[in-house]
Amino acid sequence: MGTFATQFDTLTIASGGTTSGATVRGALDDADAVGVTFPGTPTGGITVEVNPSDADAALWVTLKSAGSDVTVGAASGIVLVDFPFARLRLKSSAAEGAARTFYISKFVRT
């Protein structure tokens, strides 16, 4: 058994904005893990938000691990293992001073 990894999407928080767009519906259905890479420096703290539904916009919540918010720091990347959610987006604690682009990868066991 192997693992296939691919960068499949980018999510951007617009200049002056606080929330990125979300991953495309269905894009994470086969993901065993999801990677988020950010080569820049954000204005605010960046947290990961997830949604268990492809259809219900009211279900967005902040992803937590061991009781703490899951964050993406400056010039870093994270891997979310055993990813059971339908969609992912990113949220800044402050209006971003410029557009911030995050690179999303998914890992699929083959």
N, C-alpha and C. Protein backbone atom coordinates (compact mmCIF):
# COMPACT_ATOMS: atom_id res chain seq x y z
N MET A 1 0.84 -1.16 0.00
CA MET A 1 0.00 0.00 0.00
C MET A 1 0.89 1.23 0.00
N GLY A 2 0.57 2.21 -0.86
CA GLY A 2 1.33 3.45 -0.94
C GLY A 2 0.47 4.64 -0.61
N THR A 3 1.07 5.81 -0.73
CA THR A 3 0.35 7.06 -0.50
C THR A 3 0.57 7.96 -1.69
N PHE A 4 -0.50 8.54 -2.17
CA PHE A 4 -0.45 9.49 -3.27
C PHE A 4 -0.72 10.87 -2.71
N ALA A 5 0.13 11.83 -2.99
CA ALA A 5 -0.05 13.20 -2.52
C ALA A 5 -0.12 14.14 -3.70
N THR A 6 -0.98 15.14 -3.60
CA THR A 6 -1.10 16.12 -4.66
C THR A 6 -1.54 17.45 -4.10
N GLN A 7 -0.97 18.55 -4.63
CA GLN A 7 -1.52 19.86 -4.32
C GLN A 7 -2.71 20.03 -5.24
N PHE A 8 -3.89 20.25 -4.67
CA PHE A 8 -5.06 20.29 -5.52
C PHE A 8 -5.81 21.61 -5.48
N ASP A 9 -5.43 22.50 -4.57
CA ASP A 9 -6.22 23.71 -4.46
C ASP A 9 -5.39 24.81 -3.80
N THR A 10 -5.81 26.04 -3.97
CA THR A 10 -5.30 27.15 -3.18
C THR A 10 -6.50 27.84 -2.55
N LEU A 11 -6.31 28.34 -1.35
CA LEU A 11 -7.34 29.12 -0.68
C LEU A 11 -6.74 30.48 -0.38
N THR A 12 -7.50 31.54 -0.64
CA THR A 12 -6.97 32.89 -0.47
C THR A 12 -7.86 33.69 0.47
N ILE A 13 -7.21 34.36 1.42
CA ILE A 13 -7.88 35.39 2.21
C ILE A 13 -7.56 36.70 1.50
N ALA A 14 -8.60 37.40 1.06
CA ALA A 14 -8.41 38.63 0.30
C ALA A 14 -7.83 39.74 1.18
N SER A 15 -7.18 40.69 0.56
CA SER A 15 -6.69 41.87 1.27
C SER A 15 -7.87 42.55 1.96
N GLY A 16 -7.75 42.80 3.26
CA GLY A 16 -8.84 43.38 4.03
C GLY A 16 -9.84 42.37 4.55
N GLY A 17 -9.70 41.11 4.13
CA GLY A 17 -10.63 40.07 4.54
C GLY A 17 -10.13 39.26 5.72
N THR A 18 -11.01 38.40 6.24
CA THR A 18 -10.63 37.54 7.36
C THR A 18 -10.87 36.06 7.09
N THR A 19 -11.62 35.71 6.06
CA THR A 19 -11.95 34.32 5.80
C THR A 19 -11.66 33.96 4.35
N SER A 20 -11.03 32.81 4.16
CA SER A 20 -10.76 32.35 2.79
C SER A 20 -12.02 31.74 2.20
N GLY A 21 -11.95 31.44 0.91
CA GLY A 21 -12.96 30.59 0.31
C GLY A 21 -12.78 29.19 0.89
N ALA A 22 -13.63 28.28 0.52
CA ALA A 22 -13.56 26.91 1.02
C ALA A 22 -13.11 25.96 -0.08
N THR A 23 -12.62 24.80 0.34
CA THR A 23 -12.29 23.78 -0.64
C THR A 23 -13.54 23.40 -1.42
N VAL A 24 -13.36 22.94 -2.62
CA VAL A 24 -14.46 22.56 -3.50
C VAL A 24 -15.20 21.37 -2.90
N ARG A 25 -16.49 21.41 -2.98
CA ARG A 25 -17.31 20.31 -2.45
C ARG A 25 -16.89 18.98 -3.08
N GLY A 26 -16.70 17.99 -2.23
CA GLY A 26 -16.34 16.66 -2.69
C GLY A 26 -14.86 16.43 -2.89
N ALA A 27 -14.06 17.50 -2.90
CA ALA A 27 -12.62 17.36 -3.19
C ALA A 27 -11.87 16.60 -2.11
N LEU A 28 -12.37 16.60 -0.89
CA LEU A 28 -11.67 15.93 0.22
C LEU A 28 -12.28 14.58 0.58
N ASP A 29 -13.27 14.14 -0.17
CA ASP A 29 -13.96 12.89 0.17
C ASP A 29 -13.02 11.69 0.31
N ASP A 30 -11.99 11.62 -0.52
CA ASP A 30 -11.08 10.47 -0.49
C ASP A 30 -9.79 10.75 0.26
N ALA A 31 -9.70 11.90 0.93
CA ALA A 31 -8.45 12.28 1.60
C ALA A 31 -8.27 11.54 2.93
N ASP A 32 -7.11 10.94 3.10
CA ASP A 32 -6.75 10.35 4.38
C ASP A 32 -6.10 11.41 5.26
N ALA A 33 -5.46 12.38 4.64
CA ALA A 33 -4.84 13.50 5.35
C ALA A 33 -4.86 14.71 4.42
N VAL A 34 -4.80 15.89 5.03
CA VAL A 34 -4.81 17.13 4.28
C VAL A 34 -3.65 17.99 4.76
N GLY A 35 -2.92 18.58 3.82
CA GLY A 35 -1.82 19.47 4.16
C GLY A 35 -2.18 20.90 3.82
N VAL A 36 -1.75 21.83 4.67
CA VAL A 36 -1.92 23.26 4.43
C VAL A 36 -0.54 23.90 4.52
N THR A 37 -0.11 24.56 3.45
CA THR A 37 1.20 25.20 3.41
C THR A 37 1.00 26.69 3.18
N PHE A 38 1.73 27.50 3.95
CA PHE A 38 1.64 28.95 3.81
C PHE A 38 3.05 29.52 3.82
N PRO A 39 3.54 30.02 2.68
CA PRO A 39 4.90 30.53 2.62
C PRO A 39 5.06 31.97 3.10
N GLY A 40 3.97 32.65 3.44
CA GLY A 40 4.04 34.07 3.77
C GLY A 40 3.95 34.36 5.25
N THR A 41 3.67 35.63 5.56
CA THR A 41 3.49 36.10 6.93
C THR A 41 2.12 36.75 7.03
N PRO A 42 1.22 36.22 7.84
CA PRO A 42 -0.12 36.79 7.94
C PRO A 42 -0.14 38.01 8.86
N THR A 43 -1.18 38.82 8.71
CA THR A 43 -1.41 39.94 9.61
C THR A 43 -1.94 39.44 10.94
N GLY A 44 -2.90 38.52 10.89
CA GLY A 44 -3.51 37.96 12.09
C GLY A 44 -3.12 36.51 12.27
N GLY A 45 -3.58 35.91 13.36
CA GLY A 45 -3.39 34.48 13.56
C GLY A 45 -4.34 33.71 12.66
N ILE A 46 -3.87 32.63 12.05
CA ILE A 46 -4.68 31.87 11.09
C ILE A 46 -5.14 30.57 11.74
N THR A 47 -6.44 30.38 11.81
CA THR A 47 -7.00 29.13 12.33
C THR A 47 -7.67 28.36 11.20
N VAL A 48 -7.74 27.04 11.39
CA VAL A 48 -8.38 26.15 10.43
C VAL A 48 -9.84 25.97 10.83
N GLU A 49 -10.74 26.14 9.89
CA GLU A 49 -12.16 25.86 10.12
C GLU A 49 -12.57 24.70 9.22
N VAL A 50 -13.47 23.86 9.72
CA VAL A 50 -13.94 22.69 8.98
C VAL A 50 -15.46 22.64 9.00
N ASN A 51 -15.98 21.89 8.05
CA ASN A 51 -17.42 21.71 7.94
C ASN A 51 -17.68 20.24 7.60
N PRO A 52 -18.53 19.55 8.36
CA PRO A 52 -18.80 18.15 8.06
C PRO A 52 -19.76 17.96 6.90
N SER A 53 -20.34 19.05 6.41
CA SER A 53 -21.37 18.97 5.37
C SER A 53 -20.92 19.67 4.10
N ASP A 54 -21.29 19.09 2.97
CA ASP A 54 -21.06 19.75 1.69
C ASP A 54 -22.10 20.84 1.44
N ALA A 55 -23.23 20.79 2.17
CA ALA A 55 -24.35 21.63 1.82
C ALA A 55 -24.73 22.69 2.86
N ASP A 56 -24.39 22.50 4.13
CA ASP A 56 -24.88 23.39 5.18
C ASP A 56 -23.83 24.41 5.59
N ALA A 57 -24.00 25.65 5.17
CA ALA A 57 -23.04 26.71 5.46
C ALA A 57 -23.02 27.10 6.94
N ALA A 58 -24.01 26.68 7.71
CA ALA A 58 -24.08 27.06 9.13
C ALA A 58 -23.22 26.17 10.02
N LEU A 59 -22.60 25.14 9.46
CA LEU A 59 -21.87 24.16 10.28
C LEU A 59 -20.37 24.40 10.40
N TRP A 60 -19.86 25.55 9.95
CA TRP A 60 -18.42 25.82 10.06
C TRP A 60 -18.03 25.97 11.53
N VAL A 61 -16.95 25.28 11.93
CA VAL A 61 -16.43 25.37 13.29
C VAL A 61 -14.91 25.43 13.24
N THR A 62 -14.31 25.95 14.31
CA THR A 62 -12.86 25.98 14.42
C THR A 62 -12.36 24.59 14.77
N LEU A 63 -11.40 24.09 14.01
CA LEU A 63 -10.82 22.77 14.28
C LEU A 63 -9.93 22.87 15.51
N LYS A 64 -10.08 21.91 16.42
CA LYS A 64 -9.28 21.88 17.64
C LYS A 64 -8.55 20.55 17.74
N SER A 65 -7.42 20.59 18.42
CA SER A 65 -6.64 19.39 18.73
C SER A 65 -6.19 19.51 20.18
N ALA A 66 -6.51 18.53 20.98
CA ALA A 66 -6.17 18.55 22.41
C ALA A 66 -6.66 19.84 23.08
N GLY A 67 -7.82 20.35 22.65
CA GLY A 67 -8.41 21.52 23.26
C GLY A 67 -7.93 22.85 22.74
N SER A 68 -6.96 22.86 21.84
CA SER A 68 -6.42 24.11 21.30
C SER A 68 -6.78 24.26 19.83
N ASP A 69 -6.96 25.52 19.40
CA ASP A 69 -7.23 25.78 17.98
C ASP A 69 -6.07 25.28 17.13
N VAL A 70 -6.40 24.69 15.98
CA VAL A 70 -5.36 24.30 15.02
C VAL A 70 -5.05 25.54 14.19
N THR A 71 -3.77 25.92 14.16
CA THR A 71 -3.35 27.14 13.48
C THR A 71 -2.30 26.85 12.43
N VAL A 72 -2.16 27.80 11.50
CA VAL A 72 -1.11 27.76 10.49
C VAL A 72 -0.25 29.00 10.72
N GLY A 73 1.01 28.80 11.04
CA GLY A 73 1.91 29.92 11.32
C GLY A 73 2.55 30.48 10.07
N ALA A 74 3.33 31.52 10.27
CA ALA A 74 4.06 32.15 9.17
C ALA A 74 5.07 31.17 8.59
N ALA A 75 5.14 31.14 7.27
CA ALA A 75 6.12 30.31 6.55
C ALA A 75 6.17 28.89 7.10
N SER A 76 5.01 28.24 7.16
CA SER A 76 4.96 26.89 7.71
C SER A 76 3.89 26.05 7.02
N GLY A 77 3.84 24.81 7.42
CA GLY A 77 2.84 23.90 6.90
C GLY A 77 2.37 22.97 8.01
N ILE A 78 1.16 22.46 7.86
CA ILE A 78 0.62 21.49 8.81
C ILE A 78 0.00 20.33 8.04
N VAL A 79 -0.13 19.20 8.70
CA VAL A 79 -0.80 18.04 8.14
C VAL A 79 -1.92 17.64 9.09
N LEU A 80 -3.12 17.51 8.55
CA LEU A 80 -4.28 17.09 9.32
C LEU A 80 -4.55 15.63 8.96
N VAL A 81 -4.25 14.73 9.90
CA VAL A 81 -4.32 13.29 9.65
C VAL A 81 -5.72 12.76 9.96
N ASP A 82 -6.12 11.71 9.24
CA ASP A 82 -7.45 11.10 9.41
C ASP A 82 -8.53 12.18 9.31
N PHE A 83 -8.55 12.85 8.19
CA PHE A 83 -9.41 14.02 7.98
C PHE A 83 -10.84 13.59 7.63
N PRO A 84 -11.80 13.72 8.57
CA PRO A 84 -13.16 13.23 8.32
C PRO A 84 -14.14 14.29 7.83
N PHE A 85 -13.67 15.48 7.51
CA PHE A 85 -14.58 16.58 7.20
C PHE A 85 -14.77 16.75 5.70
N ALA A 86 -15.88 17.38 5.31
CA ALA A 86 -16.20 17.57 3.90
C ALA A 86 -15.47 18.77 3.30
N ARG A 87 -15.29 19.83 4.11
CA ARG A 87 -14.70 21.06 3.57
C ARG A 87 -13.77 21.71 4.59
N LEU A 88 -12.91 22.59 4.10
CA LEU A 88 -11.93 23.27 4.92
C LEU A 88 -11.81 24.71 4.43
N ARG A 89 -11.60 25.63 5.36
CA ARG A 89 -11.29 27.02 5.02
C ARG A 89 -10.39 27.58 6.12
N LEU A 90 -9.88 28.78 5.92
CA LEU A 90 -8.96 29.39 6.88
C LEU A 90 -9.50 30.74 7.31
N LYS A 91 -9.25 31.08 8.58
CA LYS A 91 -9.78 32.33 9.12
C LYS A 91 -8.68 33.07 9.87
N SER A 92 -8.59 34.37 9.60
CA SER A 92 -7.61 35.23 10.26
C SER A 92 -8.27 35.96 11.42
N SER A 93 -7.50 36.20 12.47
CA SER A 93 -8.01 36.94 13.63
C SER A 93 -8.04 38.45 13.37
N ALA A 94 -7.48 38.89 12.25
CA ALA A 94 -7.47 40.32 11.89
C ALA A 94 -7.60 40.46 10.38
N ALA A 95 -8.09 41.61 9.94
CA ALA A 95 -8.16 41.87 8.51
C ALA A 95 -6.75 41.81 7.93
N GLU A 96 -6.58 41.01 6.89
CA GLU A 96 -5.25 40.83 6.29
C GLU A 96 -4.84 42.07 5.49
N GLY A 97 -3.56 42.45 5.62
CA GLY A 97 -3.03 43.63 4.95
C GLY A 97 -2.77 43.45 3.47
N ALA A 98 -2.79 42.20 3.01
CA ALA A 98 -2.62 41.87 1.59
C ALA A 98 -3.27 40.51 1.39
N ALA A 99 -3.49 40.13 0.14
CA ALA A 99 -4.04 38.80 -0.13
C ALA A 99 -3.07 37.73 0.36
N ARG A 100 -3.58 36.70 1.01
CA ARG A 100 -2.76 35.60 1.55
C ARG A 100 -3.23 34.30 0.90
N THR A 101 -2.32 33.63 0.22
CA THR A 101 -2.65 32.38 -0.48
C THR A 101 -2.04 31.19 0.26
N PHE A 102 -2.87 30.19 0.49
CA PHE A 102 -2.49 28.95 1.17
C PHE A 102 -2.62 27.82 0.15
N TYR A 103 -1.69 26.88 0.21
CA TYR A 103 -1.67 25.75 -0.73
C TYR A 103 -2.18 24.51 -0.01
N ILE A 104 -3.18 23.89 -0.60
CA ILE A 104 -3.85 22.73 0.02
C ILE A 104 -3.45 21.47 -0.74
N SER A 105 -2.99 20.48 0.01
CA SER A 105 -2.63 19.18 -0.56
C SER A 105 -3.48 18.10 0.09
N LYS A 106 -3.71 17.04 -0.63
CA LYS A 106 -4.37 15.91 0.00
C LYS A 106 -3.55 14.65 -0.22
N PHE A 107 -3.65 13.78 0.75
CA PHE A 107 -2.91 12.52 0.76
C PHE A 107 -3.93 11.40 0.74
N VAL A 108 -3.77 10.47 -0.19
CA VAL A 108 -4.71 9.37 -0.35
C VAL A 108 -3.93 8.06 -0.34
N ARG A 109 -4.33 7.13 0.51
CA ARG A 109 -3.70 5.79 0.52
C ARG A 109 -4.20 5.01 -0.69
N THR A 110 -3.26 4.37 -1.37
CA THR A 110 -3.63 3.60 -2.57
C THR A 110 -3.37 2.14 -2.33
